[in-house]
C-alpha atoms as a PDB file:
ATOM      1  CA  UNK A   1     139.354  79.334 -10.824  1.00  0.00           C
ATOM      2  CA  UNK A   2     139.640  76.964  -8.211  1.00  0.00           C
ATOM      3  CA  UNK A   3     138.239  79.616  -5.703  1.00  0.00           C
ATOM      4  CA  UNK A   4     135.056  80.572  -7.519  1.00  0.00           C
ATOM      5  CA  UNK A   5     134.621  76.762  -7.629  1.00  0.00           C
ATOM      6  CA  UNK A   6     134.566  77.164  -3.723  1.00  0.00           C
ATOM      7  CA  UNK A   7     132.513  79.450  -3.935  1.00  0.00           C
ATOM      8  CA  UNK A   8     129.793  78.546  -6.132  1.00  0.00           C
ATOM      9  CA  UNK A   9     130.138  75.343  -4.245  1.00  0.00           C
ATOM     10  CA  UNK A  10     129.622  77.076  -0.793  1.00  0.00           C
ATOM     11  CA  UNK A  11     127.110  79.215  -1.914  1.00  0.00           C
ATOM     12  CA  UNK A  12     125.104  75.649  -3.613  1.00  0.00           C
ATOM     13  CA  UNK A  13     125.316  74.222  -0.232  1.00  0.00           C
ATOM     14  CA  UNK A  14     123.839  77.239   1.858  1.00  0.00           C
ATOM     15  CA  UNK A  15     120.979  77.986  -0.796  1.00  0.00           C
ATOM     16  CA  UNK A  16     120.006  74.104  -0.917  1.00  0.00           C
ATOM     17  CA  UNK A  17     120.388  73.957   3.233  1.00  0.00           C
ATOM     18  CA  UNK A  18     118.138  77.221   3.192  1.00  0.00           C
ATOM     19  CA  UNK A  19     115.498  76.099   0.873  1.00  0.00           C
ATOM     20  CA  UNK A  20     115.380  72.857   2.826  1.00  0.00           C
ATOM     21  CA  UNK A  21     114.461  74.655   5.792  1.00  0.00           C
ATOM     22  CA  UNK A  22     112.345  77.416   4.856  1.00  0.00           C
ATOM     23  CA  UNK A  23     110.284  74.295   2.993  1.00  0.00           C
ATOM     24  CA  UNK A  24     110.210  71.469   5.904  1.00  0.00           C
ATOM     25  CA  UNK A  25     109.495  73.742   9.272  1.00  0.00           C
ATOM     26  CA  UNK A  26     107.064  76.661  10.478  1.00  0.00           C
ATOM     27  CA  UNK A  27     110.134  78.754  11.740  1.00  0.00           C
ATOM     28  CA  UNK A  28     108.983  82.046  11.596  1.00  0.00           C
ATOM     29  CA  UNK A  29     113.143  84.391  11.189  1.00  0.00           C
ATOM     30  CA  UNK A  30     112.215  87.199  13.549  1.00  0.00           C
ATOM     31  CA  UNK A  31     115.082  89.889  14.906  1.00  0.00           C
ATOM     32  CA  UNK A  32     116.237  90.877  18.363  1.00  0.00           C
ATOM     33  CA  UNK A  33     113.856  94.362  18.005  1.00  0.00           C
ATOM     34  CA  UNK A  34     110.267  91.611  18.517  1.00  0.00           C
ATOM     35  CA  UNK A  35     112.320  89.874  21.791  1.00  0.00           C
ATOM     36  CA  UNK A  36     113.052  93.182  23.105  1.00  0.00           C
ATOM     37  CA  UNK A  37     109.230  94.913  22.424  1.00  0.00           C
ATOM     38  CA  UNK A  38     108.173  91.525  24.556  1.00  0.00           C
ATOM     39  CA  UNK A  39     110.600  91.533  27.380  1.00  0.00           C
ATOM     40  CA  UNK A  40     110.063  95.474  27.765  1.00  0.00           C
ATOM     41  CA  UNK A  41     106.272  94.681  27.653  1.00  0.00           C
ATOM     42  CA  UNK A  42     107.066  92.041  30.624  1.00  0.00           C
ATOM     43  CA  UNK A  43     108.882  94.133  32.673  1.00  0.00           C
ATOM     44  CA  UNK A  44     106.565  97.420  33.040  1.00  0.00           C
ATOM     45  CA  UNK A  45     103.688  95.830  32.909  1.00  0.00           C
ATOM     46  CA  UNK A  46     102.806  96.288  29.205  1.00  0.00           C
ATOM     47  CA  UNK A  47     102.158 100.526  29.804  1.00  0.00           C
ATOM     48  CA  UNK A  48     105.127 101.810  27.695  1.00  0.00           C
ATOM     49  CA  UNK A  49     105.085 103.854  25.314  1.00  0.00           C
ATOM     50  CA  UNK A  50     108.053 104.385  22.881  1.00  0.00           C
ATOM     51  CA  UNK A  51     109.449 108.192  22.539  1.00  0.00           C
ATOM     52  CA  UNK A  52     110.283 107.384  18.206  1.00  0.00           C
ATOM     53  CA  UNK A  53     108.231 106.172  16.272  1.00  0.00           C
ATOM     54  CA  UNK A  54     109.830 105.167  12.835  1.00  0.00           C
ATOM     55  CA  UNK A  55     109.349 107.610   9.872  1.00  0.00           C
ATOM     56  CA  UNK A  56     108.806 105.100   7.334  1.00  0.00           C
ATOM     57  CA  UNK A  57     108.142 101.498   8.080  1.00  0.00           C
ATOM     58  CA  UNK A  58     108.538  98.730   5.504  1.00  0.00           C
ATOM     59  CA  UNK A  59     105.467  97.221   3.802  1.00  0.00           C
ATOM     60  CA  UNK A  60     106.250  93.697   5.217  1.00  0.00           C
ATOM     61  CA  UNK A  61     108.742  91.777   6.778  1.00  0.00           C
ATOM     62  CA  UNK A  62     110.575  90.319   3.833  1.00  0.00           C
ATOM     63  CA  UNK A  63     110.891  94.009   2.133  1.00  0.00           C
ATOM     64  CA  UNK A  64     112.176  95.107   5.667  1.00  0.00           C
ATOM     65  CA  UNK A  65     114.406  91.692   5.567  1.00  0.00           C
ATOM     66  CA  UNK A  66     115.445  92.525   1.382  1.00  0.00           C
ATOM     67  CA  UNK A  67     116.313  96.356   3.140  1.00  0.00           C
ATOM     68  CA  UNK A  68     118.952  95.101   6.240  1.00  0.00           C
ATOM     69  CA  UNK A  69     120.471  92.516   3.399  1.00  0.00           C
ATOM     70  CA  UNK A  70     121.109  95.246   0.931  1.00  0.00           C
ATOM     71  CA  UNK A  71     122.472  97.319   3.936  1.00  0.00           C
ATOM     72  CA  UNK A  72     124.804  94.506   4.398  1.00  0.00           C
ATOM     73  CA  UNK A  73     125.854  93.910   1.248  1.00  0.00           C
ATOM     74  CA  UNK A  74     126.484  97.686   0.546  1.00  0.00           C
ATOM     75  CA  UNK A  75     128.952  97.415   3.643  1.00  0.00           C
ATOM     76  CA  UNK A  76     130.621  94.502   3.024  1.00  0.00           C
ATOM     77  CA  UNK A  77     131.328  95.830  -0.383  1.00  0.00           C
ATOM     78  CA  UNK A  78     132.966  99.266   1.478  1.00  0.00           C
ATOM     79  CA  UNK A  79     134.808  97.079   3.480  1.00  0.00           C
ATOM     80  CA  UNK A  80     136.376  95.065   0.768  1.00  0.00           C
ATOM     81  CA  UNK A  81     137.000  97.486  -0.904  1.00  0.00           C
ATOM     82  CA  UNK A  82     138.848  99.442   1.496  1.00  0.00           C
ATOM     83  CA  UNK A  83     140.639  95.951   2.079  1.00  0.00           C
ATOM     84  CA  UNK A  84     141.947  95.694  -1.144  1.00  0.00           C
ATOM     85  CA  UNK A  85     142.530  98.646  -1.389  1.00  0.00           C
ATOM     86  CA  UNK A  86     145.276  98.749   1.068  1.00  0.00           C
ATOM     87  CA  UNK A  87     146.754  94.892  -0.269  1.00  0.00           C
ATOM     88  CA  UNK A  88     147.308  96.567  -4.084  1.00  0.00           C
ATOM     89  CA  UNK A  89     148.930  99.762  -2.144  1.00  0.00           C
ATOM     90  CA  UNK A  90     151.092  97.575  -0.167  1.00  0.00           C
ATOM     91  CA  UNK A  91     152.415  95.660  -3.290  1.00  0.00           C
ATOM     92  CA  UNK A  92     153.034  98.234  -5.372  1.00  0.00           C
ATOM     93  CA  UNK A  93     155.107  99.963  -2.352  1.00  0.00           C
ATOM     94  CA  UNK A  94     157.310  96.854  -2.275  1.00  0.00           C
END
């Protein structure tokens, strides 16, 4: 019970911080891809042509962020499952 309260408190703190920062600043959350494009354009003089194009591009940045977050959550679930499985397996062997 104590652990659940701590986790909920941490989630509330991060949510409050995110909402506060989102509402008070004009900061744009961008990834490393956009920065890399700018550096490549600067180094090549703007005449760089990518050799591949994405098969599908999300209609907005928000959807792209959502898909990235889902991918991260799915990976964390898989890693957590295997950590839990190994811990339980070790307990049963003792």
